[in-house]
Protein backbone atom coordinates (compact mmCIF):
# COMPACT_ATOMS: atom_id res chain seq x y z
CA MET A 1 96.01 137.56 100.57
CA ARG A 2 98.41 134.69 101.25
CA LEU A 3 97.34 132.86 98.11
CA LEU A 4 97.83 135.97 96.02
CA ALA A 5 101.34 136.43 97.42
CA LEU A 6 102.13 132.76 96.87
CA GLU A 7 100.81 132.93 93.32
CA LEU A 8 102.93 136.01 92.67
CA ILE A 9 106.07 134.30 93.97
CA PHE A 10 105.38 131.23 91.83
CA SER A 11 104.79 133.34 88.75
CA LEU A 12 108.07 135.20 89.36
CA LEU A 13 109.92 131.88 89.71
CA ASP A 14 108.23 130.66 86.51
CA ILE A 15 106.68 127.57 88.10
CA ARG A 16 103.12 128.80 87.71
CA GLY A 17 102.18 126.15 85.14
CA HIS A 18 102.85 123.28 87.56
CA ILE A 19 100.14 124.25 90.04
CA PRO A 20 96.80 122.62 89.25
CA ARG A 21 93.63 124.58 89.71
CA PHE A 22 90.70 123.23 91.70
CA ASP A 23 88.63 122.63 88.57
CA ASP A 24 91.43 120.49 87.08
CA PHE A 25 90.58 117.69 89.50
CA ARG A 26 87.81 115.30 88.59
CA PRO A 27 85.84 113.76 91.45
CA ALA A 28 86.79 110.19 92.19
CA PRO A 29 84.08 107.56 92.13
CA VAL A 30 82.70 106.86 95.57
CA ALA A 31 83.02 103.11 95.91
CA PRO A 32 84.34 101.90 99.27
CA ALA A 33 86.61 98.91 99.16
CA PRO A 34 84.84 96.18 101.12
CA THR A 35 88.06 94.28 101.78
CA GLY A 36 89.71 97.35 103.29
CA THR A 37 86.75 97.99 105.58
CA ALA A 38 86.61 94.35 106.65
CA ARG A 39 90.34 94.29 107.37
CA ALA A 40 90.14 97.47 109.42
CA LEU A 41 87.21 96.08 111.39
CA ALA A 42 89.03 92.78 111.98
CA ALA A 43 92.15 94.64 113.16
CA ALA A 44 90.09 96.77 115.56
CA ILE A 45 88.36 93.69 116.98
CA ALA A 46 91.68 91.87 117.38
CA ALA A 47 93.26 94.85 119.15
CA PHE A 48 90.26 95.15 121.47
CA ALA A 49 90.41 91.41 122.26
CA VAL A 50 94.14 91.52 123.02
CA LEU A 51 93.75 94.55 125.29
CA SER A 52 90.79 92.96 127.06
CA LEU A 53 92.73 89.76 127.66
CA ALA A 54 95.72 91.70 128.96
CA ILE A 55 93.57 93.64 131.42
CA TRP A 56 91.77 90.45 132.49
CA ALA A 57 95.11 88.69 133.05
CA ALA A 58 96.48 91.61 135.08
CA VAL A 59 93.39 91.72 137.29
CA ARG A 60 93.39 87.95 137.75
CA LEU A 61 97.09 88.03 138.69
CA ALA A 62 96.51 90.91 141.12
CA VAL A 63 93.60 89.09 142.78
CA HIS A 64 95.62 85.89 143.01
CA LEU A 65 98.66 87.62 144.58
CA PHE A 66 96.70 89.60 147.18
């Protein structure tokens, strides 16, 4: 019902031709970018390493102080 009302409003405002239909879109080729995946994996590993080192340093400092 909402889509019908929205379509009616758009047709009254004369902007109906600017809305693409679902069948107007062609499916994109499914080819993952290997560089993007590798960069994301490297960033996740680096973030995990930095957080691990920060926790290790905090624990080591706490043990040393007490």
